[in-house]
């Protein structure tokens, strides 16, 4: 079935329901960033493979809305599909609501599948549509009927994460949650975000590619806890663990039917960002729903001491794999016979050799030359570019280890560079360093720190439209909130124990792309004027290539930071390397 045929099949379904348009988000019933294949309806209907985007299909038009990470990729993948690209956050781009209001009439209905549509999005659209008398209607899942050979809901086994990795038992976490519930007079907490459920129960799974989570819902009351999950996911050992933790396991499909009973005449806390609209509609009208981030969201974001030490261990292993790879590509690889996909396989093999390796934390982005300007580029057999001894290779990758999750980007020179490439590389390095060495008062928000990474390129009238930093899970999702560093306001303040990435970038279509990324850990910086201060510890351990740097563009403080960072990288990684690897690393980390 070609894309145009899939769109026509959806239109036929809508016509039968007398629906004038349908919105296809990228989510699952848990509002996950990355979803199991069963819920990849947006990708199936459009052919666009990026992780973020929304498709809208009307009687005569179809459009994809996505963010700047995917502008170039979407433009390529949508060719010949009849789907127009709408670039989010650009002045000329209409919102989905404005697009539909301009095309529909009073009394028309827009269809959604409420189980994969967030409460926040549904409320916003209903409010927008009300001014024109357009109805937002739940028509269920049309892909049940039009998607042939649709992958089933995953049934992979769940396993217990030992205390030596979690650092806090399931019972202790639940007791902390209940203390907060009592303080706020909350009767029930609905957990619908998969990583929050996994963290709370100290369980992990393999239902979502690269994310060690499992499809489920969790209801926490003051006297009972109920996990809604397919029974075949649970081994006898896992069932016993849940019983010991006083968690009752119910069938996943029974969750919606249980909502009325579980929420009737109660005060219920749920995060509207992860609450699908079908759950909202199923909650008892007699309950008081408190819509805000859950306690787990904040608890999970602050690492305990065990998790911090495990993260440092994981970073050593990941750094060893990265150094072996960088040495190989620098001194051993026959560049003329390597491609984006072949180097991905090489790095994967080096990581897989490390202890406690589980898998990648996301699909590797290996973009050579112009492909590096496609922010979330993923090579395919059709696009797999051959390398050459010139220009930049951008390599964004990460791993899942039992003791931690990693995320790192290095921009690697394969040969001669232009003056523009060197200047751009140095500007991004300046921003990266300036953020990494920040010292700031408690209660500082990410939007207040964002300018540190952007100012060097802003001064040249350049910018990037993605965020500067995201949290990273503890053997969980590589993108974790609620903390972030980005231009947009986020009210969450930084606290000691929070992780965040530091990844400014610069992308010039048809030419090159540059990004330098490390993971930072927020740590105390001592007492100062008007209170306590925080700073960042860079926990990623891998040399930053010095060859493209224009030293005269760096300040004395920036040079000192880089040299000190490289000393630490060498000291921590060298004991795990052979003589030739240590020799290469010594040169790579020598003073600038």
Protein backbone atom coordinates (compact mmCIF):
# COMPACT_ATOMS: atom_id res chain seq x y z
CA UNK A 1 0.00 0.00 0.00
CA UNK A 2 1.53 3.31 -1.05
CA UNK A 3 1.25 6.40 1.13
CA UNK A 4 -1.34 7.99 -1.14
CA UNK A 5 -3.42 4.80 -0.93
CA UNK A 6 -3.18 4.77 2.86
CA UNK A 7 -4.41 8.35 3.03
CA UNK A 8 -7.33 7.49 0.75
CA UNK A 9 -8.19 4.51 2.97
CA UNK A 10 -8.31 6.84 5.97
CA UNK A 11 -10.50 9.30 4.03
CA UNK A 12 -12.93 6.50 3.20
CA UNK A 13 -13.16 5.63 6.90
CA UNK A 14 -13.79 9.28 7.79
CA UNK A 15 -16.47 9.61 5.13
CA UNK A 16 -18.37 6.70 6.65
CA UNK A 17 -18.27 8.47 10.02
CA UNK A 18 -19.13 11.88 8.53
CA UNK A 19 -15.86 13.28 9.83
CA UNK A 20 -14.22 16.11 7.88
CA UNK A 21 -10.67 15.74 9.21
CA UNK A 22 -8.56 13.43 11.35
CA UNK A 23 -5.48 14.17 13.47
CA UNK A 24 -2.75 11.53 13.80
CA UNK A 25 -0.23 12.25 16.60
CA UNK A 26 3.05 10.40 17.16
CA UNK A 27 2.10 9.04 20.56
CA UNK A 28 0.77 5.91 22.24
CA UNK A 29 -1.80 5.70 25.10
CA UNK A 30 0.99 6.75 27.50
CA UNK A 31 2.04 9.87 25.55
CA UNK A 32 5.50 8.37 25.04
CA UNK A 33 8.11 10.17 22.95
CA UNK A 34 9.15 6.88 21.36
CA UNK A 35 6.47 4.27 20.79
CA UNK A 36 6.18 0.56 20.08
CA UNK A 37 5.57 -0.31 16.38
CA UNK A 38 1.88 -1.00 17.11
CA UNK A 39 1.34 2.72 17.66
CA UNK A 40 3.46 4.05 14.79
CA UNK A 41 0.34 5.11 12.90
CA UNK A 42 1.71 8.54 12.03
CA UNK A 43 4.76 6.96 10.43
CA UNK A 44 2.60 4.40 8.59
CA UNK A 45 0.22 6.99 7.17
CA UNK A 46 2.94 9.46 6.10
CA UNK A 47 6.24 7.63 5.58
CA UNK A 48 7.95 10.20 7.83
CA UNK A 49 10.18 8.35 10.32
CA UNK A 50 11.12 11.16 12.74
CA UNK A 51 10.15 10.77 16.39
CA UNK A 52 8.03 13.94 16.53
CA UNK A 53 5.27 15.11 14.23
CA UNK A 54 1.53 15.27 13.70
CA UNK A 55 -0.37 14.44 10.51
CA UNK A 56 -3.69 16.07 9.63
CA UNK A 57 -5.84 14.60 6.88
CA UNK A 58 -8.87 16.44 5.46
CA UNK A 59 -11.09 15.58 2.51
CA UNK A 60 -8.73 17.28 0.05
CA UNK A 61 -5.44 17.98 1.86
CA UNK A 62 -2.91 16.39 4.15
CA UNK A 63 -0.15 18.03 6.19
CA UNK A 64 2.66 17.10 8.58
CA UNK A 65 3.63 19.44 11.40
CA UNK A 66 7.11 18.86 12.86
CA UNK A 67 9.91 20.78 14.54
CA UNK A 68 13.24 22.08 13.27
CA UNK A 69 15.11 18.85 14.05
CA UNK A 70 13.26 17.24 11.16
CA UNK A 71 12.70 19.96 8.55
CA UNK A 72 15.19 18.54 6.04
CA UNK A 73 14.35 14.91 6.75
CA UNK A 74 10.61 15.49 6.44
CA UNK A 75 10.99 17.43 3.19
CA UNK A 76 12.79 14.44 1.68
CA UNK A 77 10.48 11.74 3.03
CA UNK A 78 7.24 13.49 2.11
CA UNK A 79 8.09 13.86 -1.57
CA UNK A 80 5.41 12.27 -3.75
CA UNK A 81 3.05 11.54 -0.85
CA UNK A 82 0.71 14.50 -1.32
CA UNK A 83 1.43 15.54 2.26
CA UNK A 84 2.56 19.13 2.76
CA UNK A 85 5.23 20.04 5.33
CA UNK A 86 4.37 22.63 7.97
CA UNK A 87 7.42 23.84 9.87
CA UNK A 88 6.58 24.50 13.51
CA UNK A 89 7.65 27.72 15.26
CA UNK A 90 8.06 29.65 12.00
CA UNK A 91 5.98 32.82 11.68
CA UNK A 92 4.36 31.74 8.44
CA UNK A 93 3.28 28.31 9.74
CA UNK A 94 -0.35 28.07 10.90
CA UNK A 95 -1.19 26.02 13.96
CA UNK A 96 -3.16 22.83 13.38
CA UNK A 97 -6.22 24.51 14.88
CA UNK A 98 -5.92 27.56 12.58
CA UNK A 99 -5.31 25.29 9.57
CA UNK A 100 -8.52 23.36 10.27
CA UNK A 101 -10.62 26.40 11.17
CA UNK A 102 -9.73 27.92 7.80
CA UNK A 103 -10.97 24.81 5.96
CA UNK A 104 -13.95 23.57 7.96
CA UNK A 105 -17.40 25.00 8.59
CA UNK A 106 -19.64 25.35 11.62
CA UNK A 107 -21.03 21.95 12.54
CA UNK A 108 -18.14 19.99 11.04
CA UNK A 109 -16.34 17.40 13.15
CA UNK A 110 -12.62 16.67 13.55
CA UNK A 111 -11.83 13.09 14.51
CA UNK A 112 -9.26 11.77 16.97
CA UNK A 113 -8.45 8.48 18.67
CA UNK A 114 -8.80 9.58 22.29
CA UNK A 115 -6.53 6.80 23.56
CA UNK A 116 -3.52 8.28 21.76
CA UNK A 117 -4.45 11.94 22.15
CA UNK A 118 -3.20 13.86 25.17
CA UNK A 119 -5.62 15.59 27.48
CA UNK A 120 -3.70 18.84 27.12
CA UNK A 121 -3.93 18.73 23.31
CA UNK A 122 -7.62 17.76 23.31
CA UNK A 123 -8.55 20.59 25.69
CA UNK A 124 -6.58 23.12 23.66
CA UNK A 125 -8.21 22.06 20.39
CA UNK A 126 -11.73 21.99 21.84
CA UNK A 127 -11.23 25.54 23.09
CA UNK A 128 -9.85 26.69 19.72
CA UNK A 129 -12.62 24.99 17.73
CA UNK A 130 -15.41 26.34 19.95
CA UNK A 131 -15.13 29.79 18.39
CA UNK A 132 -16.21 28.34 15.04
CA UNK A 133 -18.59 25.64 16.23
CA UNK A 134 -16.33 22.77 15.16
CA UNK A 135 -16.63 19.55 17.16
CA UNK A 136 -13.72 17.38 18.34
CA UNK A 137 -15.00 13.80 18.19
CA UNK A 138 -13.50 10.53 19.44
CA UNK A 139 -13.94 8.03 16.60
CA UNK A 140 -11.69 5.36 18.04
CA UNK A 141 -8.75 3.82 16.21
CA UNK A 142 -9.27 3.82 12.42
CA UNK A 143 -6.00 1.98 11.90
CA UNK A 144 -7.59 -1.17 13.32
CA UNK A 145 -9.44 -1.37 10.02
CA UNK A 146 -7.10 0.09 7.40
CA UNK A 147 -3.60 -0.98 8.57
CA UNK A 148 -2.92 -4.43 7.20
CA UNK A 149 -0.37 -6.56 9.08
CA UNK A 150 -0.22 -4.05 11.92
CA UNK A 151 2.30 -5.09 14.60
CA UNK A 152 0.63 -6.32 17.81
CA UNK A 153 0.92 -4.63 21.21
CA UNK A 154 4.30 -5.88 22.54
CA UNK A 155 4.35 -8.73 25.02
CA UNK A 156 8.00 -8.71 26.11
CA UNK A 157 8.92 -9.92 29.62
CA UNK A 158 9.49 -7.53 32.50
CA UNK A 159 12.45 -7.91 34.88
CA UNK A 160 13.41 -6.57 38.31
CA UNK A 161 16.17 -3.95 38.54
CA UNK A 162 18.32 -4.97 41.53
CA UNK A 163 18.73 -2.60 44.45
CA UNK A 164 22.45 -2.19 43.68
CA UNK A 165 21.38 -0.27 40.57
CA UNK A 166 18.18 1.39 41.84
CA UNK A 167 19.57 2.54 45.19
CA UNK A 168 16.09 2.64 46.74
CA UNK A 169 13.53 -0.14 47.08
CA UNK A 170 10.09 -0.08 45.49
CA UNK A 171 8.51 -0.01 48.96
CA UNK A 172 10.62 2.99 49.98
CA UNK A 173 9.65 4.89 46.83
CA UNK A 174 5.96 4.17 47.35
CA UNK A 175 6.19 5.28 50.97
CA UNK A 176 7.72 8.60 49.83
CA UNK A 177 4.93 9.02 47.29
CA UNK A 178 2.27 8.30 49.91
CA UNK A 179 3.79 10.81 52.31
CA UNK A 180 3.41 13.47 49.62
CA UNK A 181 -0.14 12.27 48.91
CA UNK A 182 -1.10 12.61 52.57
CA UNK A 183 0.46 16.06 52.79
CA UNK A 184 -1.58 17.20 49.76
CA UNK A 185 -4.73 15.29 50.73
CA UNK A 186 -4.50 13.20 47.53
CA UNK A 187 -6.32 9.83 47.47
CA UNK A 188 -5.10 8.39 44.16
CA UNK A 189 -2.16 8.96 41.83
CA UNK A 190 -2.59 7.79 38.24
CA UNK A 191 0.77 6.97 36.62
CA UNK A 192 0.50 6.70 32.85
CA UNK A 193 4.06 7.63 31.75
CA UNK A 194 5.95 4.38 31.19
CA UNK A 195 9.26 5.57 32.63
CA UNK A 196 7.55 6.79 35.80
CA UNK A 197 5.98 3.36 36.29
CA UNK A 198 9.28 1.56 35.65
CA UNK A 199 11.14 3.84 38.09
CA UNK A 200 8.54 3.51 40.85
CA UNK A 201 8.43 -0.30 40.73
CA UNK A 202 12.15 -0.85 39.99
CA UNK A 203 11.11 -2.87 36.96
CA UNK A 204 12.39 -2.66 33.41
CA UNK A 205 11.22 -4.06 30.10
CA UNK A 206 11.78 -4.03 26.36
CA UNK A 207 8.50 -2.91 24.82
CA UNK A 208 9.82 0.31 23.26
CA UNK A 209 12.87 0.40 21.01
CA UNK A 210 15.90 1.69 22.96
CA UNK A 211 13.79 2.51 26.04
CA UNK A 212 13.75 -0.14 28.82
CA UNK A 213 10.08 0.32 29.69
CA UNK A 214 6.95 -1.82 29.49
CA UNK A 215 3.37 -1.04 28.46
CA UNK A 216 1.27 -0.63 31.61
CA UNK A 217 -0.70 1.69 33.88
CA UNK A 218 -0.17 2.12 37.64
CA UNK A 219 -2.75 3.30 40.19
CA UNK A 220 -1.33 4.25 43.59
CA UNK A 221 -3.78 4.65 46.47
CA UNK A 222 -3.16 5.21 50.15
CA UNK A 223 -3.85 1.55 50.92
CA UNK A 224 -3.50 -0.31 47.60
CA UNK A 225 -1.47 -0.30 44.39
CA UNK A 226 -2.68 -1.78 41.11
CA UNK A 227 -0.54 -2.43 38.06
CA UNK A 228 -2.39 -2.93 34.78
CA UNK A 229 -0.22 -5.10 32.55
CA UNK A 230 -0.59 -8.13 30.27
CA UNK A 231 -0.06 -11.20 32.47
CA UNK A 232 2.24 -12.95 30.02
CA UNK A 233 4.87 -10.25 30.62
CA UNK A 234 5.28 -11.43 34.20
CA UNK A 235 7.53 -14.35 35.09
CA UNK A 236 6.96 -16.28 38.35
CA UNK A 237 9.86 -14.32 39.86
CA UNK A 238 8.38 -10.97 38.82
CA UNK A 239 4.94 -11.95 40.11
CA UNK A 240 6.49 -12.88 43.44
CA UNK A 241 8.35 -9.58 43.55
CA UNK A 242 5.12 -7.64 42.94
CA UNK A 243 3.32 -9.59 45.66
CA UNK A 244 6.14 -8.87 48.13
CA UNK A 245 5.87 -5.19 47.16
CA UNK A 246 2.09 -5.35 47.75
CA UNK A 247 1.34 -4.49 44.13
CA UNK A 248 -1.70 -6.21 42.61
CA UNK A 249 -1.39 -7.10 38.91
CA UNK A 250 -4.48 -6.68 36.72
CA UNK A 251 -4.98 -7.12 33.00
CA UNK A 252 -3.88 -4.13 30.91
CA UNK A 253 -7.14 -4.03 28.96
CA UNK A 254 -9.17 -3.67 32.18
CA UNK A 255 -7.66 -0.31 33.07
CA UNK A 256 -10.27 1.87 31.34
CA UNK A 257 -13.14 -0.12 32.86
CA UNK A 258 -11.63 0.31 36.33
CA UNK A 259 -11.38 4.10 36.18
CA UNK A 260 -14.87 4.83 37.49
CA UNK A 261 -14.33 2.65 40.58
CA UNK A 262 -10.75 3.77 41.24
CA UNK A 263 -11.54 7.49 41.07
CA UNK A 264 -15.12 7.83 42.37
CA UNK A 265 -15.48 10.53 45.08
CA UNK A 266 -11.71 10.79 45.36
CA UNK A 267 -9.05 13.45 44.91
CA UNK A 268 -6.94 12.22 41.99
CA UNK A 269 -3.52 13.45 40.82
CA UNK A 270 -2.46 12.91 37.19
CA UNK A 271 -0.09 14.63 34.78
CA UNK A 272 -2.16 16.08 31.91
CA UNK A 273 0.86 15.85 29.60
CA UNK A 274 0.81 12.04 29.94
CA UNK A 275 -2.93 11.54 30.43
CA UNK A 276 -4.73 10.48 27.29
CA UNK A 277 -8.15 11.93 26.56
CA UNK A 278 -9.89 8.55 26.86
CA UNK A 279 -8.68 8.24 30.46
CA UNK A 280 -9.93 11.73 31.21
CA UNK A 281 -13.34 10.85 29.80
CA UNK A 282 -13.41 7.61 31.84
CA UNK A 283 -12.54 9.18 35.20
CA UNK A 284 -15.51 9.49 37.52
CA UNK A 285 -17.25 12.87 37.22
CA UNK A 286 -17.55 12.79 41.01
CA UNK A 287 -13.79 12.95 41.61
CA UNK A 288 -11.62 16.03 41.97
CA UNK A 289 -8.89 15.79 39.33
CA UNK A 290 -5.65 17.62 40.11
CA UNK A 291 -3.80 18.17 36.83
CA UNK A 292 -0.09 18.69 37.39
CA UNK A 293 3.19 16.80 37.23
CA UNK A 294 3.25 13.76 39.47
CA UNK A 295 5.48 13.34 42.49
CA UNK A 296 7.33 10.63 40.59
CA UNK A 297 8.33 13.04 37.83
CA UNK A 298 10.39 15.09 40.30
CA UNK A 299 11.61 12.21 42.46
CA UNK A 300 12.90 10.33 39.42
CA UNK A 301 14.79 13.36 38.12
CA UNK A 302 16.94 13.66 41.26
CA UNK A 303 19.52 10.86 41.38
CA UNK A 304 20.23 9.13 44.65
CA UNK A 305 23.85 8.47 45.56
CA UNK A 306 23.78 4.92 44.18
CA UNK A 307 22.41 6.12 40.86
CA UNK A 308 25.06 8.86 40.70
CA UNK A 309 27.90 6.40 41.29
CA UNK A 310 26.41 3.99 38.77
CA UNK A 311 26.15 6.80 36.21
CA UNK A 312 29.85 7.53 36.65
CA UNK A 313 30.64 3.83 36.13
CA UNK A 314 28.53 3.74 32.97
CA UNK A 315 30.30 6.83 31.64
CA UNK A 316 33.70 5.18 32.06
CA UNK A 317 32.54 2.18 30.03
CA UNK A 318 30.99 4.39 27.39
CA UNK A 319 34.11 6.55 27.27
CA UNK A 320 36.28 3.49 26.73
CA UNK A 321 34.09 2.40 23.81
CA UNK A 322 34.17 5.92 22.33
CA UNK A 323 37.96 6.21 22.63
CA UNK A 324 38.45 2.85 20.95
CA UNK A 325 36.16 4.03 18.15
CA UNK A 326 37.81 7.44 17.74
CA UNK A 327 41.28 5.88 17.69
CA UNK A 328 40.09 3.35 15.10
CA UNK A 329 38.61 5.96 12.77
CA UNK A 330 41.65 8.21 13.22
CA UNK A 331 44.44 5.67 12.76
CA UNK A 332 43.10 2.38 11.40
CA UNK A 333 39.94 2.80 9.34
CA UNK A 334 40.14 2.93 5.58
CA UNK A 335 37.91 5.97 5.21
CA UNK A 336 37.31 5.32 1.52
CA UNK A 337 35.67 2.00 2.40
CA UNK A 338 33.53 3.22 5.32
CA UNK A 339 30.00 4.59 5.26
CA UNK A 340 27.65 6.13 7.80
CA UNK A 341 26.07 2.74 8.48
CA UNK A 342 29.36 0.82 8.70
CA UNK A 343 30.78 3.13 11.38
CA UNK A 344 27.50 2.82 13.28
CA UNK A 345 28.00 -0.95 13.32
CA UNK A 346 31.60 -0.53 14.48
CA UNK A 347 30.62 1.70 17.41
CA UNK A 348 27.78 -0.64 18.34
CA UNK A 349 30.20 -3.59 18.54
CA UNK A 350 32.60 -1.66 20.78
CA UNK A 351 29.82 -0.68 23.17
CA UNK A 352 28.35 -4.18 23.18
CA UNK A 353 31.70 -5.48 24.48
CA UNK A 354 31.31 -3.43 27.67
CA UNK A 355 29.99 -4.97 30.91
CA UNK A 356 26.25 -4.68 31.63
CA UNK A 357 25.52 -3.42 28.10
CA UNK A 358 21.83 -3.79 27.25
CA UNK A 359 21.47 -1.88 24.00
CA UNK A 360 21.52 1.55 22.42
CA UNK A 361 19.66 4.41 24.10
CA UNK A 362 18.52 5.71 20.69
CA UNK A 363 19.29 5.02 17.06
CA UNK A 364 22.72 6.41 16.25
CA UNK A 365 22.88 9.61 14.22
CA UNK A 366 25.92 9.29 11.95
CA UNK A 367 25.77 12.13 9.46
CA UNK A 368 28.63 12.87 7.08
CA UNK A 369 28.98 16.24 5.32
CA UNK A 370 25.57 17.68 4.33
CA UNK A 371 23.76 14.86 6.18
CA UNK A 372 25.05 16.28 9.48
CA UNK A 373 22.85 19.33 8.86
CA UNK A 374 19.79 17.05 9.15
CA UNK A 375 19.53 17.25 12.92
CA UNK A 376 18.00 13.81 13.62
CA UNK A 377 19.28 12.12 10.49
CA UNK A 378 19.34 8.33 10.46
CA UNK A 379 21.15 6.61 7.61
CA UNK A 380 19.26 4.06 5.54
CA UNK A 381 20.54 1.77 2.77
CA UNK A 382 19.22 4.36 0.31
CA UNK A 383 20.91 7.37 1.96
CA UNK A 384 24.03 5.68 3.38
CA UNK A 385 26.81 8.10 2.43
CA UNK A 386 30.36 7.01 1.81
CA UNK A 387 32.96 8.81 3.91
CA UNK A 388 35.88 10.73 2.47
CA UNK A 389 39.06 12.24 4.01
CA UNK A 390 37.63 15.74 4.29
CA UNK A 391 34.94 17.62 6.18
CA UNK A 392 32.99 16.67 9.30
CA UNK A 393 31.30 13.52 10.55
CA UNK A 394 28.66 14.19 13.21
CA UNK A 395 28.16 11.20 15.53
CA UNK A 396 25.36 11.35 18.11
CA UNK A 397 24.94 8.08 20.00
CA UNK A 398 24.26 6.51 23.37
CA UNK A 399 23.88 3.26 25.25
CA UNK A 400 21.79 1.57 27.89
CA UNK A 401 23.80 -0.13 30.61
CA UNK A 402 22.29 -1.65 33.73
CA UNK A 403 24.06 1.08 35.68
CA UNK A 404 23.18 4.05 33.48
CA UNK A 405 22.08 5.66 30.25
CA UNK A 406 24.48 7.64 28.07
CA UNK A 407 24.09 10.26 25.33
CA UNK A 408 27.08 11.84 23.57
CA UNK A 409 27.75 13.77 20.37
CA UNK A 410 31.13 14.38 18.81
CA UNK A 411 31.85 16.19 15.55
CA UNK A 412 34.86 14.50 13.98
CA UNK A 413 37.11 16.01 11.27
CA UNK A 414 37.98 13.41 8.64
CA UNK A 415 40.40 15.65 6.75
CA UNK A 416 40.86 19.26 5.61
CA UNK A 417 38.24 21.76 6.80
CA UNK A 418 37.18 25.13 5.51
CA UNK A 419 37.69 28.26 7.58
CA UNK A 420 33.90 28.46 8.00
CA UNK A 421 33.76 24.91 9.37
CA UNK A 422 36.53 25.67 11.88
CA UNK A 423 34.86 28.89 13.01
CA UNK A 424 31.48 27.18 13.42
CA UNK A 425 33.06 24.31 15.37
CA UNK A 426 34.83 26.72 17.70
CA UNK A 427 31.71 28.81 18.28
CA UNK A 428 29.74 25.73 19.29
CA UNK A 429 32.56 24.63 21.58
CA UNK A 430 32.55 28.06 23.25
CA UNK A 431 28.83 27.76 23.98
CA UNK A 432 29.23 24.20 25.22
CA UNK A 433 32.02 25.18 27.61
CA UNK A 434 30.31 28.34 28.84
CA UNK A 435 27.27 26.32 29.89
CA UNK A 436 29.33 23.47 31.37
CA UNK A 437 31.23 25.82 33.69
CA UNK A 438 28.15 27.75 34.85
CA UNK A 439 27.65 28.53 38.53
CA UNK A 440 24.13 29.66 39.42
CA UNK A 441 21.85 30.20 42.43
CA UNK A 442 19.35 27.58 43.54
CA UNK A 443 15.90 27.87 41.89
CA UNK A 444 17.46 28.74 38.52
CA UNK A 445 15.43 27.56 35.52
CA UNK A 446 16.78 26.13 32.29
CA UNK A 447 15.59 29.07 30.21
CA UNK A 448 17.84 31.32 32.31
CA UNK A 449 20.89 29.18 31.47
CA UNK A 450 20.16 28.64 27.79
CA UNK A 451 21.75 31.89 26.62
CA UNK A 452 25.17 30.70 27.84
CA UNK A 453 25.23 28.06 25.09
CA UNK A 454 23.72 30.26 22.38
CA UNK A 455 25.43 33.62 22.84
CA UNK A 456 28.56 32.82 20.77
CA UNK A 457 26.46 32.02 17.69
CA UNK A 458 23.81 34.67 18.41
CA UNK A 459 26.56 37.27 18.14
CA UNK A 460 27.11 36.00 14.58
CA UNK A 461 23.34 36.15 13.87
CA UNK A 462 23.02 32.36 13.90
CA UNK A 463 20.90 30.00 15.99
CA UNK A 464 19.58 26.47 16.41
CA UNK A 465 15.92 25.73 17.07
CA UNK A 466 16.17 22.60 19.21
CA UNK A 467 16.64 22.58 22.96
CA UNK A 468 20.08 22.90 24.49
CA UNK A 469 19.64 20.20 27.11
CA UNK A 470 17.37 17.43 28.37
CA UNK A 471 17.47 15.15 31.38
CA UNK A 472 18.77 11.59 30.98
CA UNK A 473 17.22 8.62 32.78
CA UNK A 474 18.88 6.15 35.16
CA UNK A 475 18.79 3.10 32.87
CA UNK A 476 15.60 4.61 31.52
CA UNK A 477 14.58 6.93 28.70
CA UNK A 478 17.39 8.95 27.15
CA UNK A 479 15.09 12.00 27.13
CA UNK A 480 13.82 12.66 30.63
CA UNK A 481 12.02 15.57 32.25
CA UNK A 482 10.84 17.60 33.90
CA UNK A 483 14.08 19.65 33.79
CA UNK A 484 15.40 21.07 30.53
CA UNK A 485 17.56 23.84 29.10
CA UNK A 486 15.91 25.59 26.19
CA UNK A 487 14.71 29.01 25.04
CA UNK A 488 11.09 28.25 25.92
CA UNK A 489 10.09 28.82 29.52
CA UNK A 490 9.99 25.75 31.78
CA UNK A 491 9.07 26.51 35.42
CA UNK A 492 11.06 23.54 36.76
CA UNK A 493 14.13 24.68 38.71
CA UNK A 494 17.43 22.84 38.79
CA UNK A 495 18.27 20.82 41.90
CA UNK A 496 21.35 18.88 42.96
CA UNK A 497 21.19 15.37 41.52
CA UNK A 498 19.53 16.33 38.27
CA UNK A 499 21.18 15.43 34.97
CA UNK A 500 20.99 17.48 31.80
CA UNK A 501 22.71 17.37 28.44
CA UNK A 502 24.80 20.24 27.07
CA UNK A 503 24.39 20.12 23.29
CA UNK A 504 24.46 23.37 21.32
CA UNK A 505 24.58 22.88 17.56
CA UNK A 506 24.83 24.66 14.22
CA UNK A 507 23.38 23.34 10.97
CA UNK A 508 23.89 24.69 7.47
CA UNK A 509 21.77 22.91 4.88
CA UNK A 510 23.75 21.34 2.07
CA UNK A 511 27.06 21.99 3.81
CA UNK A 512 27.69 20.75 7.34
CA UNK A 513 26.33 20.27 10.82
CA UNK A 514 28.11 20.55 14.18
CA UNK A 515 27.08 19.50 17.67
CA UNK A 516 29.10 18.84 20.83
CA UNK A 517 27.23 17.05 23.61
CA UNK A 518 28.07 15.86 27.11
CA UNK A 519 25.87 14.86 30.04
CA UNK A 520 26.08 17.14 33.07
CA UNK A 521 25.23 16.37 36.70
CA UNK A 522 23.95 19.20 38.89
CA UNK A 523 25.96 19.41 42.13
CA UNK A 524 26.22 21.88 45.05
CA UNK A 525 28.58 24.84 44.56
CA UNK A 526 28.43 26.15 48.13
CA UNK A 527 26.79 29.03 49.92
CA UNK A 528 26.89 32.54 48.53
CA UNK A 529 25.05 35.83 48.51
CA UNK A 530 21.30 35.32 49.12
CA UNK A 531 21.51 31.54 49.42
CA UNK A 532 23.07 28.38 48.04
CA UNK A 533 24.55 27.92 44.59
CA UNK A 534 24.78 25.02 42.13
CA UNK A 535 27.11 24.06 39.32
CA UNK A 536 27.58 21.28 36.78
CA UNK A 537 29.91 18.30 36.80
CA UNK A 538 30.56 16.94 33.31
CA UNK A 539 30.13 13.18 33.67
CA UNK A 540 30.63 12.20 30.02
CA UNK A 541 34.22 11.07 29.46
CA UNK A 542 35.48 11.43 25.91
CA UNK A 543 37.97 13.77 24.24
CA UNK A 544 36.65 16.73 22.26
CA UNK A 545 38.59 16.91 19.01
CA UNK A 546 41.07 19.80 19.16
CA UNK A 547 42.03 19.83 15.47
CA UNK A 548 39.17 22.08 14.24
CA UNK A 549 39.59 24.59 17.09
CA UNK A 550 40.65 28.14 16.31
CA UNK A 551 42.44 28.76 19.59
CA UNK A 552 42.40 32.53 19.22
CA UNK A 553 38.59 32.47 19.41
CA UNK A 554 38.60 30.89 22.88
CA UNK A 555 39.01 32.82 26.13
CA UNK A 556 41.66 31.88 28.65
CA UNK A 557 38.95 30.43 30.90
CA UNK A 558 37.52 28.31 28.08
CA UNK A 559 40.95 26.91 27.23
CA UNK A 560 41.57 26.14 30.90
CA UNK A 561 38.21 24.31 31.15
CA UNK A 562 38.99 22.19 28.09
CA UNK A 563 42.45 21.29 29.33
CA UNK A 564 41.15 20.35 32.78
CA UNK A 565 38.36 18.28 31.25
CA UNK A 566 40.83 16.42 29.05
CA UNK A 567 43.12 15.71 32.03
CA UNK A 568 40.16 14.12 33.83
CA UNK A 569 39.17 12.11 30.74
CA UNK A 570 42.69 10.69 30.48
CA UNK A 571 43.02 9.93 34.19
CA UNK A 572 39.72 8.02 34.36
CA UNK A 573 39.88 6.16 31.03
CA UNK A 574 43.58 5.33 30.65
CA UNK A 575 43.58 2.47 33.22
CA UNK A 576 41.02 0.63 31.04
CA UNK A 577 42.95 0.92 27.76
CA UNK A 578 45.91 -0.88 26.19
CA UNK A 579 49.23 0.84 25.47
CA UNK A 580 48.39 2.00 21.94
CA UNK A 581 44.98 3.32 23.03
CA UNK A 582 46.54 5.19 25.97
CA UNK A 583 49.14 6.70 23.64
CA UNK A 584 46.41 7.90 21.27
CA UNK A 585 44.33 9.25 24.16
CA UNK A 586 47.34 11.10 25.60
CA UNK A 587 47.69 13.02 22.32
CA UNK A 588 43.95 13.59 22.02
CA UNK A 589 43.81 15.06 25.52
CA UNK A 590 47.07 17.02 25.52
CA UNK A 591 46.90 20.71 26.42
CA UNK A 592 45.54 23.05 23.76
